[in-house]
Amino acid sequence: MIESIVVSAYCAISTVFILMTALEGWAIRGGWTLARGAGLAACSLWPLLLAAFILHALLAPRRMPRLARAG
């Protein structure tokens, strides 16, 4: 159940940003260049990277170095 909610949210966010990028290219009458295709591909990848960073921050052990006390 929770997996389907997460996947749906991911797809919704990705779709919104792909649509915004496509409409931006259409508004400036830009052609289908390699840069535009890479931008559209990045729209679907960055939420995955964001999720990976958040999971890493939540699951990684806390390794904060202690301050050495000068005696």
Protein backbone atom coordinates (compact mmCIF):
# COMPACT_ATOMS: atom_id res chain seq x y z
CA MET A 1 0.00 0.00 0.00
CA ILE A 2 2.66 2.50 1.02
CA GLU A 3 4.81 1.56 -1.96
CA SER A 4 2.03 2.46 -4.38
CA ILE A 5 1.61 5.84 -2.68
CA VAL A 6 5.34 6.55 -2.91
CA VAL A 7 5.50 5.49 -6.57
CA SER A 8 2.42 7.56 -7.39
CA ALA A 9 3.88 10.63 -5.69
CA TYR A 10 7.18 10.14 -7.52
CA CYS A 11 5.42 9.84 -10.87
CA ALA A 12 3.25 12.88 -10.16
CA ILE A 13 6.23 15.07 -9.24
CA SER A 14 8.23 13.85 -12.21
CA THR A 15 5.33 14.41 -14.59
CA VAL A 16 4.78 17.97 -13.39
CA PHE A 17 8.42 18.88 -13.96
CA ILE A 18 8.56 17.14 -17.35
CA LEU A 19 5.44 19.05 -18.39
CA MET A 20 6.90 22.36 -17.18
CA THR A 21 10.15 21.74 -19.05
CA ALA A 22 8.34 20.75 -22.23
CA LEU A 23 6.07 23.78 -22.08
CA GLU A 24 9.04 26.06 -21.47
CA GLY A 25 10.73 24.72 -24.61
CA TRP A 26 7.52 25.10 -26.56
CA ALA A 27 7.05 28.71 -25.36
CA ILE A 28 10.47 29.77 -26.64
CA ARG A 29 9.91 27.83 -29.85
CA GLY A 30 12.92 25.65 -29.10
CA GLY A 31 13.58 22.59 -31.21
CA TRP A 32 14.18 19.09 -29.96
CA THR A 33 17.88 19.33 -29.24
CA LEU A 34 20.09 17.03 -27.22
CA ALA A 35 20.12 19.53 -24.37
CA ARG A 36 16.33 19.62 -24.25
CA GLY A 37 16.15 15.83 -24.27
CA ALA A 38 18.71 15.66 -21.48
CA GLY A 39 16.69 18.18 -19.50
CA LEU A 40 13.56 16.11 -19.88
CA ALA A 41 15.44 12.99 -18.79
CA ALA A 42 16.83 14.83 -15.76
CA CYS A 43 13.29 15.75 -14.74
CA SER A 44 12.54 12.09 -14.19
CA LEU A 45 15.84 11.33 -12.42
CA TRP A 46 16.24 14.11 -9.85
CA PRO A 47 13.38 12.96 -7.58
CA LEU A 48 15.10 9.58 -7.36
CA LEU A 49 18.37 11.25 -6.33
CA LEU A 50 16.53 13.36 -3.77
CA ALA A 51 14.91 10.26 -2.31
CA ALA A 52 18.32 8.54 -2.13
CA PHE A 53 19.84 11.48 -0.23
CA ILE A 54 16.93 11.61 2.19
CA LEU A 55 17.09 7.86 2.84
CA HIS A 56 20.83 8.03 3.35
CA ALA A 57 20.43 10.85 5.87
CA LEU A 58 17.77 8.90 7.75
CA LEU A 59 19.44 5.49 7.74
CA ALA A 60 23.15 6.31 7.97
CA PRO A 61 24.66 6.05 11.44
CA ARG A 62 25.52 9.33 13.06
CA ARG A 63 29.26 9.77 12.78
CA MET A 64 29.84 13.20 14.14
CA PRO A 65 33.40 13.63 15.37
CA ARG A 66 33.66 14.71 18.94
CA LEU A 67 35.53 17.85 19.68
CA ALA A 68 38.82 17.13 21.37
CA ARG A 69 39.17 18.84 24.69
CA ALA A 70 42.42 20.63 25.12
CA GLY A 71 43.64 19.86 28.58
